[in-house]
Amino acid sequence: MAKFLDHHPMPPMSPEQAKAMAGQIKSVIESKKADSFGVTQLNVFMAPGEAWCYTEAPNAEAVVKHHEAMGIKLAVADVKQVSPIV
């Protein structure tokens, strides 16, 4: 299955909110289960106000739907298919 990297803004969060979100993300990544769109979350990288998500999915449109289901607006143009070099 193809791998994708996307970038999107994140709203400001309190330390408690960030910790709760990190726990949810970790749980999803550790489950290694695809969602209803066929998307498997592989990792998330965050900086203040923005995030990069590394996923495995059938296509970029599925990645967009995956984010929309979590209330995150994402354009297909913000989703790039990537290939690891190692």
PDB file of N, CA and C in Angstrom:
ATOM      1  N   MET A   1       0.846  -1.177   0.000  1.00  0.00           N
ATOM      2  CA  MET A   1       0.000   0.000   0.000  1.00  0.00           C
ATOM      3  C   MET A   1       0.892   1.241   0.000  1.00  0.00           C
ATOM      4  N   ALA A   2       0.394   2.311  -0.579  1.00  0.00           N
ATOM      5  CA  ALA A   2       1.159   3.558  -0.714  1.00  0.00           C
ATOM      6  C   ALA A   2       1.288   4.279   0.626  1.00  0.00           C
ATOM      7  N   LYS A   3       2.357   5.026   0.760  1.00  0.00           N
ATOM      8  CA  LYS A   3       2.617   5.831   1.960  1.00  0.00           C
ATOM      9  C   LYS A   3       2.439   7.308   1.588  1.00  0.00           C
ATOM     10  N   PHE A   4       1.912   8.084   2.533  1.00  0.00           N
ATOM     11  CA  PHE A   4       1.637   9.494   2.300  1.00  0.00           C
ATOM     12  C   PHE A   4       2.122  10.340   3.471  1.00  0.00           C
ATOM     13  N   LEU A   5       2.503  11.562   3.155  1.00  0.00           N
ATOM     14  CA  LEU A   5       2.869  12.565   4.154  1.00  0.00           C
ATOM     15  C   LEU A   5       1.994  13.776   3.874  1.00  0.00           C
ATOM     16  N   ASP A   6       1.334  14.265   4.905  1.00  0.00           N
ATOM     17  CA  ASP A   6       0.515  15.464   4.732  1.00  0.00           C
ATOM     18  C   ASP A   6       0.890  16.492   5.783  1.00  0.00           C
ATOM     19  N   HIS A   7       0.516  17.719   5.523  1.00  0.00           N
ATOM     20  CA  HIS A   7       0.817  18.837   6.419  1.00  0.00           C
ATOM     21  C   HIS A   7      -0.440  19.676   6.581  1.00  0.00           C
ATOM     22  N   HIS A   8      -0.709  20.054   7.829  1.00  0.00           N
ATOM     23  CA  HIS A   8      -1.879  20.895   8.089  1.00  0.00           C
ATOM     24  C   HIS A   8      -1.681  21.668   9.382  1.00  0.00           C
ATOM     25  N   PRO A   9      -2.400  22.796   9.525  1.00  0.00           N
ATOM     26  CA  PRO A   9      -2.331  23.553  10.776  1.00  0.00           C
ATOM     27  C   PRO A   9      -3.029  22.805  11.897  1.00  0.00           C
ATOM     28  N   MET A  10      -2.597  23.084  13.107  1.00  0.00           N
ATOM     29  CA  MET A  10      -3.233  22.545  14.311  1.00  0.00           C
ATOM     30  C   MET A  10      -3.604  23.714  15.210  1.00  0.00           C
ATOM     31  N   PRO A  11      -4.764  23.650  15.819  1.00  0.00           N
ATOM     32  CA  PRO A  11      -5.155  24.737  16.717  1.00  0.00           C
ATOM     33  C   PRO A  11      -4.276  24.737  17.970  1.00  0.00           C
ATOM     34  N   PRO A  12      -4.161  25.878  18.618  1.00  0.00           N
ATOM     35  CA  PRO A  12      -3.406  25.912  19.876  1.00  0.00           C
ATOM     36  C   PRO A  12      -4.027  24.950  20.886  1.00  0.00           C
ATOM     37  N   MET A  13      -3.164  24.303  21.669  1.00  0.00           N
ATOM     38  CA  MET A  13      -3.631  23.336  22.670  1.00  0.00           C
ATOM     39  C   MET A  13      -2.933  23.584  23.994  1.00  0.00           C
ATOM     40  N   SER A  14      -3.656  23.298  25.046  1.00  0.00           N
ATOM     41  CA  SER A  14      -3.037  23.344  26.367  1.00  0.00           C
ATOM     42  C   SER A  14      -2.139  22.117  26.493  1.00  0.00           C
ATOM     43  N   PRO A  15      -1.208  22.114  27.455  1.00  0.00           N
ATOM     44  CA  PRO A  15      -0.382  20.917  27.658  1.00  0.00           C
ATOM     45  C   PRO A  15      -1.227  19.668  27.929  1.00  0.00           C
ATOM     46  N   GLU A  16      -2.333  19.831  28.637  1.00  0.00           N
ATOM     47  CA  GLU A  16      -3.201  18.695  28.931  1.00  0.00           C
ATOM     48  C   GLU A  16      -3.851  18.158  27.660  1.00  0.00           C
ATOM     49  N   GLN A  17      -4.312  19.072  26.790  1.00  0.00           N
ATOM     50  CA  GLN A  17      -4.925  18.656  25.535  1.00  0.00           C
ATOM     51  C   GLN A  17      -3.902  17.949  24.647  1.00  0.00           C
ATOM     52  N   ALA A  18      -2.695  18.492  24.588  1.00  0.00           N
ATOM     53  CA  ALA A  18      -1.640  17.890  23.777  1.00  0.00           C
ATOM     54  C   ALA A  18      -1.300  16.491  24.287  1.00  0.00           C
ATOM     55  N   LYS A  19      -1.252  16.327  25.598  1.00  0.00           N
ATOM     56  CA  LYS A  19      -0.941  15.018  26.177  1.00  0.00           C
ATOM     57  C   LYS A  19      -2.054  14.015  25.861  1.00  0.00           C
ATOM     58  N   ALA A  20      -3.307  14.445  25.976  1.00  0.00           N
ATOM     59  CA  ALA A  20      -4.435  13.567  25.670  1.00  0.00           C
ATOM     60  C   ALA A  20      -4.418  13.167  24.195  1.00  0.00           C
ATOM     61  N   MET A  21      -4.155  14.126  23.312  1.00  0.00           N
ATOM     62  CA  MET A  21      -4.101  13.830  21.887  1.00  0.00           C
ATOM     63  C   MET A  21      -2.952  12.874  21.577  1.00  0.00           C
ATOM     64  N   ALA A  22      -1.812  13.080  22.203  1.00  0.00           N
ATOM     65  CA  ALA A  22      -0.657  12.200  21.988  1.00  0.00           C
ATOM     66  C   ALA A  22      -0.997  10.774  22.402  1.00  0.00           C
ATOM     67  N   GLY A  23      -1.719  10.616  23.489  1.00  0.00           N
ATOM     68  CA  GLY A  23      -2.122   9.288  23.939  1.00  0.00           C
ATOM     69  C   GLY A  23      -3.048   8.609  22.935  1.00  0.00           C
ATOM     70  N   GLN A  24      -3.987   9.372  22.390  1.00  0.00           N
ATOM     71  CA  GLN A  24      -4.904   8.820  21.389  1.00  0.00           C
ATOM     72  C   GLN A  24      -4.147   8.415  20.128  1.00  0.00           C
ATOM     73  N   ILE A  25      -3.243   9.287  19.672  1.00  0.00           N
ATOM     74  CA  ILE A  25      -2.468   8.994  18.468  1.00  0.00           C
ATOM     75  C   ILE A  25      -1.606   7.759  18.680  1.00  0.00           C
ATOM     76  N   LYS A  26      -0.956   7.679  19.832  1.00  0.00           N
ATOM     77  CA  LYS A  26      -0.102   6.524  20.131  1.00  0.00           C
ATOM     78  C   LYS A  26      -0.917   5.236  20.101  1.00  0.00           C
ATOM     79  N   SER A  27      -2.096   5.270  20.662  1.00  0.00           N
ATOM     80  CA  SER A  27      -2.965   4.100  20.689  1.00  0.00           C
ATOM     81  C   SER A  27      -3.340   3.663  19.270  1.00  0.00           C
ATOM     82  N   VAL A  28      -3.682   4.617  18.423  1.00  0.00           N
ATOM     83  CA  VAL A  28      -4.046   4.313  17.035  1.00  0.00           C
ATOM     84  C   VAL A  28      -2.846   3.737  16.283  1.00  0.00           C
ATOM     85  N   ILE A  29      -1.667   4.339  16.447  1.00  0.00           N
ATOM     86  CA  ILE A  29      -0.463   3.863  15.757  1.00  0.00           C
ATOM     87  C   ILE A  29      -0.119   2.446  16.213  1.00  0.00           C
ATOM     88  N   GLU A  30      -0.176   2.213  17.516  1.00  0.00           N
ATOM     89  CA  GLU A  30       0.169   0.889  18.047  1.00  0.00           C
ATOM     90  C   GLU A  30      -0.818  -0.193  17.618  1.00  0.00           C
ATOM     91  N   SER A  31      -2.059   0.182  17.335  1.00  0.00           N
ATOM     92  CA  SER A  31      -3.062  -0.805  16.911  1.00  0.00           C
ATOM     93  C   SER A  31      -2.771  -1.316  15.504  1.00  0.00           C
ATOM     94  N   LYS A  32      -2.116  -0.500  14.699  1.00  0.00           N
ATOM     95  CA  LYS A  32      -1.777  -0.849  13.305  1.00  0.00           C
ATOM     96  C   LYS A  32      -3.009  -1.248  12.502  1.00  0.00           C
ATOM     97  N   LYS A  33      -4.162  -0.687  12.871  1.00  0.00           N
ATOM     98  CA  LYS A  33      -5.408  -1.010  12.174  1.00  0.00           C
ATOM     99  C   LYS A  33      -5.807   0.134  11.249  1.00  0.00           C
ATOM    100  N   ALA A  34      -6.288  -0.239  10.080  1.00  0.00           N
ATOM    101  CA  ALA A  34      -6.794   0.752   9.136  1.00  0.00           C
ATOM    102  C   ALA A  34      -8.182   1.211   9.570  1.00  0.00           C
ATOM    103  N   ASP A  35      -8.489   2.465   9.273  1.00  0.00           N
ATOM    104  CA  ASP A  35      -9.821   2.982   9.577  1.00  0.00           C
ATOM    105  C   ASP A  35     -10.779   2.616   8.444  1.00  0.00           C
ATOM    106  N   SER A  36     -11.979   3.157   8.479  1.00  0.00           N
ATOM    107  CA  SER A  36     -12.996   2.817   7.481  1.00  0.00           C
ATOM    108  C   SER A  36     -12.643   3.303   6.078  1.00  0.00           C
ATOM    109  N   PHE A  37     -11.650   4.189   5.962  1.00  0.00           N
ATOM    110  CA  PHE A  37     -11.203   4.686   4.663  1.00  0.00           C
ATOM    111  C   PHE A  37      -9.989   3.914   4.151  1.00  0.00           C
ATOM    112  N   GLY A  38      -9.535   2.940   4.939  1.00  0.00           N
ATOM    113  CA  GLY A  38      -8.362   2.156   4.557  1.00  0.00           C
ATOM    114  C   GLY A  38      -7.053   2.807   4.938  1.00  0.00           C
ATOM    115  N   VAL A  39      -7.102   3.823   5.818  1.00  0.00           N
ATOM    116  CA  VAL A  39      -5.913   4.575   6.222  1.00  0.00           C
ATOM    117  C   VAL A  39      -5.362   4.021   7.534  1.00  0.00           C
ATOM    118  N   THR A  40      -4.060   3.753   7.542  1.00  0.00           N
ATOM    119  CA  THR A  40      -3.360   3.343   8.751  1.00  0.00           C
ATOM    120  C   THR A  40      -2.399   4.454   9.133  1.00  0.00           C
ATOM    121  N   GLN A  41      -2.543   4.960  10.345  1.00  0.00           N
ATOM    122  CA  GLN A  41      -1.662   6.018  10.847  1.00  0.00           C
ATOM    123  C   GLN A  41      -0.325   5.395  11.224  1.00  0.00           C
ATOM    124  N   LEU A  42       0.774   5.895  10.650  1.00  0.00           N
ATOM    125  CA  LEU A  42       2.096   5.364  10.951  1.00  0.00           C
ATOM    126  C   LEU A  42       2.860   6.231  11.935  1.00  0.00           C
ATOM    127  N   ASN A  43       2.688   7.547  11.835  1.00  0.00           N
ATOM    128  CA  ASN A  43       3.351   8.458  12.765  1.00  0.00           C
ATOM    129  C   ASN A  43       2.786   9.854  12.579  1.00  0.00           C
ATOM    130  N   VAL A  44       3.009  10.700  13.554  1.00  0.00           N
ATOM    131  CA  VAL A  44       2.606  12.104  13.502  1.00  0.00           C
ATOM    132  C   VAL A  44       3.758  12.920  14.061  1.00  0.00           C
ATOM    133  N   PHE A  45       4.074  14.004  13.379  1.00  0.00           N
ATOM    134  CA  PHE A  45       5.132  14.910  13.823  1.00  0.00           C
ATOM    135  C   PHE A  45       4.493  16.276  14.030  1.00  0.00           C
ATOM    136  N   MET A  46       4.781  16.884  15.191  1.00  0.00           N
ATOM    137  CA  MET A  46       4.134  18.157  15.503  1.00  0.00           C
ATOM    138  C   MET A  46       5.136  19.230  15.862  1.00  0.00           C
ATOM    139  N   ALA A  47       4.776  20.451  15.515  1.00  0.00           N
ATOM    140  CA  ALA A  47       5.459  21.674  15.926  1.00  0.00           C
ATOM    141  C   ALA A  47       4.341  22.620  16.351  1.00  0.00           C
ATOM    142  N   PRO A  48       4.645  23.669  17.075  1.00  0.00           N
ATOM    143  CA  PRO A  48       3.566  24.570  17.491  1.00  0.00           C
ATOM    144  C   PRO A  48       2.722  25.037  16.298  1.00  0.00           C
ATOM    145  N   GLY A  49       1.438  24.726  16.346  1.00  0.00           N
ATOM    146  CA  GLY A  49       0.509  25.185  15.330  1.00  0.00           C
ATOM    147  C   GLY A  49       0.460  24.385  14.042  1.00  0.00           C
ATOM    148  N   GLU A  50       1.221  23.297  13.927  1.00  0.00           N
ATOM    149  CA  GLU A  50       1.181  22.511  12.698  1.00  0.00           C
ATOM    150  C   GLU A  50       1.524  21.053  12.949  1.00  0.00           C
ATOM    151  N   ALA A  51       1.111  20.209  11.993  1.00  0.00           N
ATOM    152  CA  ALA A  51       1.360  18.777  12.120  1.00  0.00           C
ATOM    153  C   ALA A  51       1.659  18.178  10.749  1.00  0.00           C
ATOM    154  N   TRP A  52       2.441  17.111  10.772  1.00  0.00           N
ATOM    155  CA  TRP A  52       2.740  16.310   9.590  1.00  0.00           C
ATOM    156  C   TRP A  52       2.318  14.893   9.945  1.00  0.00           C
ATOM    157  N   CYS A  53       1.507  14.287   9.111  1.00  0.00           N
ATOM    158  CA  CYS A  53       1.040  12.931   9.368  1.00  0.00           C
ATOM    159  C   CYS A  53       1.610  11.991   8.317  1.00  0.00           C
ATOM    160  N   TYR A  54       2.114  10.859   8.778  1.00  0.00           N
ATOM    161  CA  TYR A  54       2.665   9.830   7.914  1.00  0.00           C
ATOM    162  C   TYR A  54       1.696   8.659   7.969  1.00  0.00           C
ATOM    163  N   THR A  55       1.104   8.331   6.822  1.00  0.00           N
ATOM    164  CA  THR A  55       0.067   7.310   6.776  1.00  0.00           C
ATOM    165  C   THR A  55       0.306   6.325   5.634  1.00  0.00           C
ATOM    166  N   GLU A  56      -0.407   5.234   5.723  1.00  0.00           N
ATOM    167  CA  GLU A  56      -0.463   4.261   4.643  1.00  0.00           C
ATOM    168  C   GLU A  56      -1.918   4.248   4.206  1.00  0.00           C
ATOM    169  N   ALA A  57      -2.163   4.385   2.903  1.00  0.00           N
ATOM    170  CA  ALA A  57      -3.541   4.521   2.437  1.00  0.00           C
ATOM    171  C   ALA A  57      -3.661   4.088   0.980  1.00  0.00           C
ATOM    172  N   PRO A  58      -4.901   3.824   0.554  1.00  0.00           N
ATOM    173  CA  PRO A  58      -5.093   3.449  -0.839  1.00  0.00           C
ATOM    174  C   PRO A  58      -4.839   4.613  -1.803  1.00  0.00           C
ATOM    175  N   ASN A  59      -5.096   5.857  -1.339  1.00  0.00           N
ATOM    176  CA  ASN A  59      -4.887   7.035  -2.186  1.00  0.00           C
ATOM    177  C   ASN A  59      -4.980   8.304  -1.337  1.00  0.00           C
ATOM    178  N   ALA A  60      -4.649   9.437  -1.948  1.00  0.00           N
ATOM    179  CA  ALA A  60      -4.650  10.719  -1.224  1.00  0.00           C
ATOM    180  C   ALA A  60      -6.048  11.107  -0.767  1.00  0.00           C
ATOM    181  N   GLU A  61      -7.061  10.775  -1.553  1.00  0.00           N
ATOM    182  CA  GLU A  61      -8.430  11.123  -1.186  1.00  0.00           C
ATOM    183  C   GLU A  61      -8.833  10.428   0.118  1.00  0.00           C
ATOM    184  N   ALA A  62      -8.367   9.202   0.320  1.00  0.00           N
ATOM    185  CA  ALA A  62      -8.663   8.493   1.575  1.00  0.00           C
ATOM    186  C   ALA A  62      -8.014   9.202   2.759  1.00  0.00           C
ATOM    187  N   VAL A  63      -6.814   9.744   2.563  1.00  0.00           N
ATOM    188  CA  VAL A  63      -6.128  10.490   3.627  1.00  0.00           C
ATOM    189  C   VAL A  63      -6.936  11.737   3.981  1.00  0.00           C
ATOM    190  N   VAL A  64      -7.474  12.414   2.979  1.00  0.00           N
ATOM    191  CA  VAL A  64      -8.303  13.601   3.227  1.00  0.00           C
ATOM    192  C   VAL A  64      -9.542  13.215   4.031  1.00  0.00           C
ATOM    193  N   LYS A  65     -10.214  12.140   3.646  1.00  0.00           N
ATOM    194  CA  LYS A  65     -11.413  11.694   4.365  1.00  0.00           C
ATOM    195  C   LYS A  65     -11.077  11.291   5.799  1.00  0.00           C
ATOM    196  N   HIS A  66      -9.926  10.648   5.991  1.00  0.00           N
ATOM    197  CA  HIS A  66      -9.444  10.263   7.323  1.00  0.00           C
ATOM    198  C   HIS A  66      -9.340  11.503   8.217  1.00  0.00           C
ATOM    199  N   HIS A  67      -8.761  12.576   7.688  1.00  0.00           N
ATOM    200  CA  HIS A  67      -8.620  13.808   8.461  1.00  0.00           C
ATOM    201  C   HIS A  67      -9.972  14.482   8.692  1.00  0.00           C
ATOM    202  N   GLU A  68     -10.801  14.523   7.654  1.00  0.00           N
ATOM    203  CA  GLU A  68     -12.122  15.149   7.792  1.00  0.00           C
ATOM    204  C   GLU A  68     -12.929  14.479   8.896  1.00  0.00           C
ATOM    205  N   ALA A  69     -12.787  13.162   9.040  1.00  0.00           N
ATOM    206  CA  ALA A  69     -13.517  12.436  10.082  1.00  0.00           C
ATOM    207  C   ALA A  69     -13.089  12.871  11.482  1.00  0.00           C
ATOM    208  N   MET A  70     -11.882  13.448  11.576  1.00  0.00           N
ATOM    209  CA  MET A  70     -11.388  13.945  12.868  1.00  0.00           C
ATOM    210  C   MET A  70     -11.571  15.457  12.995  1.00  0.00           C
ATOM    211  N   GLY A  71     -12.273  16.060  12.029  1.00  0.00           N
ATOM    212  CA  GLY A  71     -12.537  17.497  12.084  1.00  0.00           C
ATOM    213  C   GLY A  71     -11.379  18.351  11.602  1.00  0.00           C
ATOM    214  N   ILE A  72     -10.461  17.755  10.838  1.00  0.00           N
ATOM    215  CA  ILE A  72      -9.301  18.493  10.332  1.00  0.00           C
ATOM    216  C   ILE A  72      -9.476  18.686   8.834  1.00  0.00           C
ATOM    217  N   LYS A  73      -9.489  19.951   8.420  1.00  0.00           N
ATOM    218  CA  LYS A  73      -9.615  20.253   6.995  1.00  0.00           C
ATOM    219  C   LYS A  73      -8.260  20.031   6.330  1.00  0.00           C
ATOM    220  N   LEU A  74      -8.298  19.315   5.216  1.00  0.00           N
ATOM    221  CA  LEU A  74      -7.078  18.987   4.494  1.00  0.00           C
ATOM    222  C   LEU A  74      -7.416  18.926   3.015  1.00  0.00           C
ATOM    223  N   ALA A  75      -6.613  19.569   2.189  1.00  0.00           N
ATOM    224  CA  ALA A  75      -6.803  19.527   0.741  1.00  0.00           C
ATOM    225  C   ALA A  75      -5.957  18.408   0.153  1.00  0.00           C
ATOM    226  N   VAL A  76      -6.412  17.819  -0.925  1.00  0.00           N
ATOM    227  CA  VAL A  76      -5.648  16.762  -1.586  1.00  0.00           C
ATOM    228  C   VAL A  76      -4.255  17.274  -1.949  1.00  0.00           C
ATOM    229  N   ALA A  77      -4.136  18.559  -2.284  1.00  0.00           N
ATOM    230  CA  ALA A  77      -2.831  19.136  -2.636  1.00  0.00           C
ATOM    231  C   ALA A  77      -1.845  19.114  -1.467  1.00  0.00           C
ATOM    232  N   ASP A  78      -2.357  18.985  -0.247  1.00  0.00           N
ATOM    233  CA  ASP A  78      -1.496  18.939   0.941  1.00  0.00           C
ATOM    234  C   ASP A  78      -1.054  17.511   1.295  1.00  0.00           C
ATOM    235  N   VAL A  79      -1.440  16.550   0.471  1.00  0.00           N
ATOM    236  CA  VAL A  79      -1.106  15.142   0.696  1.00  0.00           C
ATOM    237  C   VAL A  79      -0.155  14.695  -0.410  1.00  0.00           C
ATOM    238  N   LYS A  80       1.015  14.234  -0.015  1.00  0.00           N
ATOM    239  CA  LYS A  80       2.025  13.806  -0.990  1.00  0.00           C
ATOM    240  C   LYS A  80       2.336  12.340  -0.808  1.00  0.00           C
ATOM    241  N   GLN A  81       2.331  11.588  -1.914  1.00  0.00           N
ATOM    242  CA  GLN A  81       2.764  10.196  -1.841  1.00  0.00           C
ATOM    243  C   GLN A  81       4.281  10.203  -1.720  1.00  0.00           C
ATOM    244  N   VAL A  82       4.800   9.412  -0.779  1.00  0.00           N
ATOM    245  CA  VAL A  82       6.241   9.380  -0.517  1.00  0.00           C
ATOM    246  C   VAL A  82       6.754   7.943  -0.554  1.00  0.00           C
ATOM    247  N   SER A  83       8.050   7.827  -0.774  1.00  0.00           N
ATOM    248  CA  SER A  83       8.706   6.524  -0.761  1.00  0.00           C
ATOM    249  C   SER A  83       9.917   6.598   0.142  1.00  0.00           C
ATOM    250  N   PRO A  84      10.015   5.721   1.128  1.00  0.00           N
ATOM    251  CA  PRO A  84      11.208   5.715   1.980  1.00  0.00           C
ATOM    252  C   PRO A  84      12.444   5.386   1.147  1.00  0.00           C
ATOM    253  N   ILE A  85      13.580   5.970   1.512  1.00  0.00           N
ATOM    254  CA  ILE A  85      14.802   5.683   0.766  1.00  0.00           C
ATOM    255  C   ILE A  85      15.602   4.580   1.437  1.00  0.00           C
ATOM    256  N   VAL A  86      15.250   4.208   2.661  1.00  0.00           N
ATOM    257  CA  VAL A  86      15.916   3.082   3.339  1.00  0.00           C
ATOM    258  C   VAL A  86      14.882   2.191   3.977  1.00  0.00           C
TER     259      VAL A  86
END
